PDB file of N, CA and C in Angstrom:
ATOM      1  N   UNK A   1      14.188  -5.840  14.933  1.00  0.00           N
ATOM      2  CA  UNK A   1      14.461  -4.534  15.503  1.00  0.00           C
ATOM      3  C   UNK A   1      13.165  -3.905  15.974  1.00  0.00           C
ATOM      4  N   UNK A   2      13.261  -3.165  17.043  1.00  0.00           N
ATOM      5  CA  UNK A   2      12.080  -2.428  17.479  1.00  0.00           C
ATOM      6  C   UNK A   2      12.030  -1.072  16.763  1.00  0.00           C
ATOM      7  N   UNK A   3      10.976  -0.317  16.982  1.00  0.00           N
ATOM      8  CA  UNK A   3      10.764   0.942  16.277  1.00  0.00           C
ATOM      9  C   UNK A   3      11.912   1.914  16.484  1.00  0.00           C
ATOM     10  N   UNK A   4      12.365   2.083  17.715  1.00  0.00           N
ATOM     11  CA  UNK A   4      13.445   3.025  18.004  1.00  0.00           C
ATOM     12  C   UNK A   4      14.715   2.654  17.255  1.00  0.00           C
ATOM     13  N   UNK A   5      15.038   1.370  17.216  1.00  0.00           N
ATOM     14  CA  UNK A   5      16.228   0.912  16.504  1.00  0.00           C
ATOM     15  C   UNK A   5      16.106   1.158  14.999  1.00  0.00           C
ATOM     16  N   UNK A   6      14.922   0.927  14.455  1.00  0.00           N
ATOM     17  CA  UNK A   6      14.698   1.159  13.023  1.00  0.00           C
ATOM     18  C   UNK A   6      14.863   2.639  12.702  1.00  0.00           C
ATOM     19  N   UNK A   7      14.311   3.497  13.537  1.00  0.00           N
ATOM     20  CA  UNK A   7      14.426   4.940  13.318  1.00  0.00           C
ATOM     21  C   UNK A   7      15.895   5.367  13.311  1.00  0.00           C
ATOM     22  N   UNK A   8      16.672   4.869  14.253  1.00  0.00           N
ATOM     23  CA  UNK A   8      18.098   5.206  14.323  1.00  0.00           C
ATOM     24  C   UNK A   8      18.861   4.642  13.135  1.00  0.00           C
ATOM     25  N   UNK A   9      18.572   3.405  12.765  1.00  0.00           N
ATOM     26  CA  UNK A   9      19.305   2.718  11.696  1.00  0.00           C
ATOM     27  C   UNK A   9      19.024   3.324  10.319  1.00  0.00           C
ATOM     28  N   UNK A  10      17.777   3.698  10.060  1.00  0.00           N
ATOM     29  CA  UNK A  10      17.388   4.159   8.724  1.00  0.00           C
ATOM     30  C   UNK A  10      17.339   5.673   8.594  1.00  0.00           C
ATOM     31  N   UNK A  11      17.119   6.372   9.704  1.00  0.00           N
ATOM     32  CA  UNK A  11      16.995   7.831   9.654  1.00  0.00           C
ATOM     33  C   UNK A  11      15.614   8.318   9.261  1.00  0.00           C
ATOM     34  N   UNK A  12      14.680   7.412   9.070  1.00  0.00           N
ATOM     35  CA  UNK A  12      13.327   7.806   8.669  1.00  0.00           C
ATOM     36  C   UNK A  12      12.590   8.423   9.863  1.00  0.00           C
ATOM     37  N   UNK A  13      11.818   9.479   9.619  1.00  0.00           N
ATOM     38  CA  UNK A  13      11.008  10.041  10.702  1.00  0.00           C
ATOM     39  C   UNK A  13       9.914   9.059  11.131  1.00  0.00           C
ATOM     40  N   UNK A  14       9.557   9.101  12.395  1.00  0.00           N
ATOM     41  CA  UNK A  14       8.567   8.185  12.963  1.00  0.00           C
ATOM     42  C   UNK A  14       7.243   8.200  12.193  1.00  0.00           C
ATOM     43  N   UNK A  15       6.734   9.384  11.861  1.00  0.00           N
ATOM     44  CA  UNK A  15       5.432   9.461  11.181  1.00  0.00           C
ATOM     45  C   UNK A  15       5.498   8.837   9.787  1.00  0.00           C
ATOM     46  N   UNK A  16       6.637   8.941   9.115  1.00  0.00           N
ATOM     47  CA  UNK A  16       6.775   8.303   7.798  1.00  0.00           C
ATOM     48  C   UNK A  16       6.827   6.779   7.941  1.00  0.00           C
ATOM     49  N   UNK A  17       7.494   6.306   8.978  1.00  0.00           N
ATOM     50  CA  UNK A  17       7.535   4.867   9.240  1.00  0.00           C
ATOM     51  C   UNK A  17       6.129   4.332   9.481  1.00  0.00           C
ATOM     52  N   UNK A  18       5.354   5.023  10.281  1.00  0.00           N
ATOM     53  CA  UNK A  18       3.985   4.586  10.550  1.00  0.00           C
ATOM     54  C   UNK A  18       3.121   4.639   9.289  1.00  0.00           C
ATOM     55  N   UNK A  19       3.391   5.622   8.418  1.00  0.00           N
ATOM     56  CA  UNK A  19       2.654   5.711   7.160  1.00  0.00           C
ATOM     57  C   UNK A  19       2.959   4.489   6.286  1.00  0.00           C
ATOM     58  N   UNK A  20       4.225   4.072   6.234  1.00  0.00           N
ATOM     59  CA  UNK A  20       4.591   2.877   5.463  1.00  0.00           C
ATOM     60  C   UNK A  20       3.842   1.651   5.969  1.00  0.00           C
ATOM     61  N   UNK A  21       3.705   1.564   7.268  1.00  0.00           N
ATOM     62  CA  UNK A  21       2.956   0.445   7.856  1.00  0.00           C
ATOM     63  C   UNK A  21       1.471   0.556   7.529  1.00  0.00           C
ATOM     64  N   UNK A  22       0.926   1.756   7.663  1.00  0.00           N
ATOM     65  CA  UNK A  22      -0.500   1.979   7.386  1.00  0.00           C
ATOM     66  C   UNK A  22      -0.843   1.601   5.945  1.00  0.00           C
ATOM     67  N   UNK A  23       0.047   1.920   5.008  1.00  0.00           N
ATOM     68  CA  UNK A  23      -0.199   1.629   3.596  1.00  0.00           C
ATOM     69  C   UNK A  23       0.127   0.181   3.217  1.00  0.00           C
ATOM     70  N   UNK A  24       0.713  -0.573   4.144  1.00  0.00           N
ATOM     71  CA  UNK A  24       1.000  -1.972   3.878  1.00  0.00           C
ATOM     72  C   UNK A  24       2.340  -2.225   3.213  1.00  0.00           C
ATOM     73  N   UNK A  25       3.196  -1.222   3.148  1.00  0.00           N
ATOM     74  CA  UNK A  25       4.515  -1.402   2.543  1.00  0.00           C
ATOM     75  C   UNK A  25       5.425  -2.246   3.438  1.00  0.00           C
ATOM     76  N   UNK A  26       5.240  -2.155   4.730  1.00  0.00           N
ATOM     77  CA  UNK A  26       5.940  -3.015   5.685  1.00  0.00           C
ATOM     78  C   UNK A  26       4.916  -3.536   6.682  1.00  0.00           C
ATOM     79  N   UNK A  27       5.182  -4.716   7.206  1.00  0.00           N
ATOM     80  CA  UNK A  27       4.246  -5.338   8.148  1.00  0.00           C
ATOM     81  C   UNK A  27       5.006  -5.897   9.347  1.00  0.00           C
ATOM     82  N   UNK A  28       5.308  -5.027  10.311  1.00  0.00           N
ATOM     83  CA  UNK A  28       6.034  -5.523  11.476  1.00  0.00           C
ATOM     84  C   UNK A  28       5.176  -6.470  12.301  1.00  0.00           C
ATOM     85  N   UNK A  29       5.848  -7.375  12.967  1.00  0.00           N
ATOM     86  CA  UNK A  29       5.163  -8.291  13.868  1.00  0.00           C
ATOM     87  C   UNK A  29       4.839  -7.528  15.152  1.00  0.00           C
ATOM     88  N   UNK A  30       3.674  -7.782  15.714  1.00  0.00           N
ATOM     89  CA  UNK A  30       3.292  -7.156  16.984  1.00  0.00           C
ATOM     90  C   UNK A  30       3.638  -8.116  18.115  1.00  0.00           C
ATOM     91  N   UNK A  31       4.423  -7.623  19.051  1.00  0.00           N
ATOM     92  CA  UNK A  31       4.842  -8.427  20.191  1.00  0.00           C
ATOM     93  C   UNK A  31       4.211  -7.840  21.444  1.00  0.00           C
ATOM     94  N   UNK A  32       3.477  -8.663  22.169  1.00  0.00           N
ATOM     95  CA  UNK A  32       2.823  -8.210  23.406  1.00  0.00           C
ATOM     96  C   UNK A  32       3.714  -8.488  24.600  1.00  0.00           C
ATOM     97  N   UNK A  33       3.856  -7.460  25.426  1.00  0.00           N
ATOM     98  CA  UNK A  33       4.554  -7.589  26.700  1.00  0.00           C
ATOM     99  C   UNK A  33       3.607  -7.016  27.743  1.00  0.00           C
ATOM    100  N   UNK A  34       2.940  -7.915  28.445  1.00  0.00           N
ATOM    101  CA  UNK A  34       1.915  -7.475  29.389  1.00  0.00           C
ATOM    102  C   UNK A  34       0.773  -6.818  28.645  1.00  0.00           C
ATOM    103  N   UNK A  35       0.463  -5.591  29.015  1.00  0.00           N
ATOM    104  CA  UNK A  35      -0.633  -4.848  28.387  1.00  0.00           C
ATOM    105  C   UNK A  35      -0.198  -4.106  27.123  1.00  0.00           C
ATOM    106  N   UNK A  36       1.107  -3.981  26.913  1.00  0.00           N
ATOM    107  CA  UNK A  36       1.618  -3.194  25.790  1.00  0.00           C
ATOM    108  C   UNK A  36       1.929  -4.073  24.587  1.00  0.00           C
ATOM    109  N   UNK A  37       1.783  -3.473  23.399  1.00  0.00           N
ATOM    110  CA  UNK A  37       2.153  -4.146  22.151  1.00  0.00           C
ATOM    111  C   UNK A  37       3.273  -3.342  21.502  1.00  0.00           C
ATOM    112  N   UNK A  38       4.295  -4.032  21.048  1.00  0.00           N
ATOM    113  CA  UNK A  38       5.436  -3.392  20.410  1.00  0.00           C
ATOM    114  C   UNK A  38       5.592  -3.930  19.001  1.00  0.00           C
ATOM    115  N   UNK A  39       6.107  -3.082  18.117  1.00  0.00           N
ATOM    116  CA  UNK A  39       6.388  -3.508  16.747  1.00  0.00           C
ATOM    117  C   UNK A  39       7.782  -4.120  16.702  1.00  0.00           C
ATOM    118  N   UNK A  40       7.896  -5.203  15.967  1.00  0.00           N
ATOM    119  CA  UNK A  40       9.185  -5.865  15.770  1.00  0.00           C
ATOM    120  C   UNK A  40       9.380  -6.023  14.263  1.00  0.00           C
ATOM    121  N   UNK A  41      10.392  -5.359  13.717  1.00  0.00           N
ATOM    122  CA  UNK A  41      10.663  -5.363  12.285  1.00  0.00           C
ATOM    123  C   UNK A  41      11.732  -6.408  11.968  1.00  0.00           C
ATOM    124  N   UNK A  42      11.489  -7.223  10.926  1.00  0.00           N
ATOM    125  CA  UNK A  42      12.510  -8.190  10.526  1.00  0.00           C
ATOM    126  C   UNK A  42      13.512  -7.514   9.580  1.00  0.00           C
ATOM    127  N   UNK A  43      14.552  -8.240   9.218  1.00  0.00           N
ATOM    128  CA  UNK A  43      15.616  -7.673   8.383  1.00  0.00           C
ATOM    129  C   UNK A  43      15.088  -7.189   7.035  1.00  0.00           C
ATOM    130  N   UNK A  44      14.154  -7.921   6.459  1.00  0.00           N
ATOM    131  CA  UNK A  44      13.579  -7.539   5.164  1.00  0.00           C
ATOM    132  C   UNK A  44      12.872  -6.193   5.280  1.00  0.00           C
ATOM    133  N   UNK A  45      12.075  -6.026   6.335  1.00  0.00           N
ATOM    134  CA  UNK A  45      11.375  -4.757   6.554  1.00  0.00           C
ATOM    135  C   UNK A  45      12.369  -3.605   6.704  1.00  0.00           C
ATOM    136  N   UNK A  46      13.430  -3.831   7.462  1.00  0.00           N
ATOM    137  CA  UNK A  46      14.422  -2.773   7.705  1.00  0.00           C
ATOM    138  C   UNK A  46      15.105  -2.371   6.397  1.00  0.00           C
ATOM    139  N   UNK A  47      15.444  -3.344   5.575  1.00  0.00           N
ATOM    140  CA  UNK A  47      16.049  -3.032   4.277  1.00  0.00           C
ATOM    141  C   UNK A  47      15.086  -2.238   3.401  1.00  0.00           C
ATOM    142  N   UNK A  48      13.840  -2.682   3.363  1.00  0.00           N
ATOM    143  CA  UNK A  48      12.843  -1.962   2.566  1.00  0.00           C
ATOM    144  C   UNK A  48      12.681  -0.524   3.058  1.00  0.00           C
ATOM    145  N   UNK A  49      12.575  -0.353   4.357  1.00  0.00           N
ATOM    146  CA  UNK A  49      12.415   0.980   4.939  1.00  0.00           C
ATOM    147  C   UNK A  49      13.600   1.861   4.569  1.00  0.00           C
ATOM    148  N   UNK A  50      14.810   1.312   4.697  1.00  0.00           N
ATOM    149  CA  UNK A  50      16.020   2.067   4.370  1.00  0.00           C
ATOM    150  C   UNK A  50      15.974   2.575   2.938  1.00  0.00           C
ATOM    151  N   UNK A  51      15.654   1.682   1.992  1.00  0.00           N
ATOM    152  CA  UNK A  51      15.643   2.066   0.584  1.00  0.00           C
ATOM    153  C   UNK A  51      14.450   2.925   0.222  1.00  0.00           C
ATOM    154  N   UNK A  52      13.285   2.645   0.783  1.00  0.00           N
ATOM    155  CA  UNK A  52      12.120   3.503   0.522  1.00  0.00           C
ATOM    156  C   UNK A  52      12.437   4.922   0.960  1.00  0.00           C
ATOM    157  N   UNK A  53      13.002   5.074   2.148  1.00  0.00           N
ATOM    158  CA  UNK A  53      13.328   6.400   2.661  1.00  0.00           C
ATOM    159  C   UNK A  53      14.365   7.089   1.767  1.00  0.00           C
ATOM    160  N   UNK A  54      15.356   6.347   1.302  1.00  0.00           N
ATOM    161  CA  UNK A  54      16.363   6.920   0.402  1.00  0.00           C
ATOM    162  C   UNK A  54      15.707   7.445  -0.879  1.00  0.00           C
ATOM    163  N   UNK A  55      14.800   6.654  -1.443  1.00  0.00           N
ATOM    164  CA  UNK A  55      14.117   7.080  -2.671  1.00  0.00           C
ATOM    165  C   UNK A  55      13.145   8.226  -2.416  1.00  0.00           C
ATOM    166  N   UNK A  56      12.488   8.224  -1.282  1.00  0.00           N
ATOM    167  CA  UNK A  56      11.604   9.349  -0.947  1.00  0.00           C
ATOM    168  C   UNK A  56      12.405  10.644  -0.836  1.00  0.00           C
ATOM    169  N   UNK A  57      13.570  10.579  -0.225  1.00  0.00           N
ATOM    170  CA  UNK A  57      14.423  11.764  -0.102  1.00  0.00           C
ATOM    171  C   UNK A  57      14.912  12.249  -1.466  1.00  0.00           C
ATOM    172  N   UNK A  58      14.997  11.327  -2.420  1.00  0.00           N
ATOM    173  CA  UNK A  58      15.398  11.694  -3.785  1.00  0.00           C
ATOM    174  C   UNK A  58      14.229  12.262  -4.590  1.00  0.00           C
ATOM    175  N   UNK A  59      13.041  12.312  -3.988  1.00  0.00           N
ATOM    176  CA  UNK A  59      11.898  12.941  -4.650  1.00  0.00           C
ATOM    177  C   UNK A  59      10.883  11.999  -5.265  1.00  0.00           C
ATOM    178  N   UNK A  60      11.085  10.702  -5.110  1.00  0.00           N
ATOM    179  CA  UNK A  60      10.108   9.756  -5.656  1.00  0.00           C
ATOM    180  C   UNK A  60       8.872   9.692  -4.774  1.00  0.00           C
ATOM    181  N   UNK A  61       7.738   9.384  -5.378  1.00  0.00           N
ATOM    182  CA  UNK A  61       6.504   9.178  -4.615  1.00  0.00           C
ATOM    183  C   UNK A  61       6.558   7.809  -3.943  1.00  0.00           C
ATOM    184  N   UNK A  62       5.704   7.619  -2.945  1.00  0.00           N
ATOM    185  CA  UNK A  62       5.727   6.395  -2.137  1.00  0.00           C
ATOM    186  C   UNK A  62       5.648   5.129  -2.971  1.00  0.00           C
ATOM    187  N   UNK A  63       4.703   5.072  -3.893  1.00  0.00           N
ATOM    188  CA  UNK A  63       4.501   3.848  -4.670  1.00  0.00           C
ATOM    189  C   UNK A  63       5.741   3.512  -5.509  1.00  0.00           C
ATOM    190  N   UNK A  64       6.327   4.529  -6.115  1.00  0.00           N
ATOM    191  CA  UNK A  64       7.526   4.329  -6.930  1.00  0.00           C
ATOM    192  C   UNK A  64       8.719   3.973  -6.039  1.00  0.00           C
ATOM    193  N   UNK A  65       8.856   4.677  -4.918  1.00  0.00           N
ATOM    194  CA  UNK A  65       9.946   4.387  -3.979  1.00  0.00           C
ATOM    195  C   UNK A  65       9.848   2.949  -3.492  1.00  0.00           C
ATOM    196  N   UNK A  66       8.635   2.506  -3.212  1.00  0.00           N
ATOM    197  CA  UNK A  66       8.428   1.125  -2.752  1.00  0.00           C
ATOM    198  C   UNK A  66       8.817   0.128  -3.841  1.00  0.00           C
ATOM    199  N   UNK A  67       8.386   0.369  -5.075  1.00  0.00           N
ATOM    200  CA  UNK A  67       8.706  -0.533  -6.177  1.00  0.00           C
ATOM    201  C   UNK A  67      10.218  -0.593  -6.412  1.00  0.00           C
ATOM    202  N   UNK A  68      10.885   0.553  -6.359  1.00  0.00           N
ATOM    203  CA  UNK A  68      12.332   0.586  -6.540  1.00  0.00           C
ATOM    204  C   UNK A  68      13.038  -0.129  -5.385  1.00  0.00           C
ATOM    205  N   UNK A  69      12.527   0.039  -4.169  1.00  0.00           N
ATOM    206  CA  UNK A  69      13.114  -0.623  -3.001  1.00  0.00           C
ATOM    207  C   UNK A  69      12.965  -2.142  -3.108  1.00  0.00           C
ATOM    208  N   UNK A  70      11.828  -2.604  -3.622  1.00  0.00           N
ATOM    209  CA  UNK A  70      11.625  -4.039  -3.823  1.00  0.00           C
ATOM    210  C   UNK A  70      12.665  -4.589  -4.790  1.00  0.00           C
ATOM    211  N   UNK A  71      12.906  -3.863  -5.872  1.00  0.00           N
ATOM    212  CA  UNK A  71      13.908  -4.304  -6.842  1.00  0.00           C
ATOM    213  C   UNK A  71      15.300  -4.302  -6.218  1.00  0.00           C
ATOM    214  N   UNK A  72      15.601  -3.249  -5.478  1.00  0.00           N
ATOM    215  CA  UNK A  72      16.924  -3.103  -4.872  1.00  0.00           C
ATOM    216  C   UNK A  72      17.219  -4.225  -3.883  1.00  0.00           C
ATOM    217  N   UNK A  73      16.210  -4.625  -3.126  1.00  0.00           N
ATOM    218  CA  UNK A  73      16.400  -5.663  -2.113  1.00  0.00           C
ATOM    219  C   UNK A  73      16.174  -7.058  -2.667  1.00  0.00           C
ATOM    220  N   UNK A  74      15.724  -7.163  -3.919  1.00  0.00           N
ATOM    221  CA  UNK A  74      15.494  -8.473  -4.513  1.00  0.00           C
ATOM    222  C   UNK A  74      14.277  -9.171  -3.960  1.00  0.00           C
ATOM    223  N   UNK A  75      13.353  -8.408  -3.385  1.00  0.00           N
ATOM    224  CA  UNK A  75      12.148  -8.987  -2.801  1.00  0.00           C
ATOM    225  C   UNK A  75      11.200  -9.446  -3.894  1.00  0.00           C
ATOM    226  N   UNK A  76      10.465 -10.508  -3.622  1.00  0.00           N
ATOM    227  CA  UNK A  76       9.504 -11.060  -4.575  1.00  0.00           C
ATOM    228  C   UNK A  76       8.096 -10.547  -4.360  1.00  0.00           C
ATOM    229  N   UNK A  77       7.876  -9.735  -3.308  1.00  0.00           N
ATOM    230  CA  UNK A  77       6.528  -9.253  -3.001  1.00  0.00           C
ATOM    231  C   UNK A  77       6.069  -8.275  -4.064  1.00  0.00           C
ATOM    232  N   UNK A  78       4.794  -8.335  -4.429  1.00  0.00           N
ATOM    233  CA  UNK A  78       4.232  -7.427  -5.409  1.00  0.00           C
ATOM    234  C   UNK A  78       4.087  -6.029  -4.853  1.00  0.00           C
ATOM    235  N   UNK A  79       4.111  -5.056  -5.726  1.00  0.00           N
ATOM    236  CA  UNK A  79       4.003  -3.662  -5.311  1.00  0.00           C
ATOM    237  C   UNK A  79       2.612  -3.348  -4.808  1.00  0.00           C
ATOM    238  N   UNK A  80       2.553  -2.558  -3.779  1.00  0.00           N
ATOM    239  CA  UNK A  80       1.272  -2.114  -3.213  1.00  0.00           C
ATOM    240  C   UNK A  80       0.942  -0.749  -3.780  1.00  0.00           C
ATOM    241  N   UNK A  81      -0.332  -0.398  -3.739  1.00  0.00           N
ATOM    242  CA  UNK A  81      -0.723   0.927  -4.226  1.00  0.00           C
ATOM    243  C   UNK A  81      -1.042   1.851  -3.103  1.00  0.00           C
TER     244      UNK A  81
END
């Protein structure tokens, strides 16, 4: 999924999505089309984003929301700080 699709699917604000990427919670693939680069999120990233955003809305901090999202999605990746 591209960024616009992820925003629509998960409901997360754009700046929060970019923050998740900046902190390393998600790592979209960069796809170049001519001079432009676009983010491409895989299904795992989209699931993580969905659950992280749900936990953030419930009042959890980023690190805790990420850890809970990893458990919820059954991901084997270690928690980031």
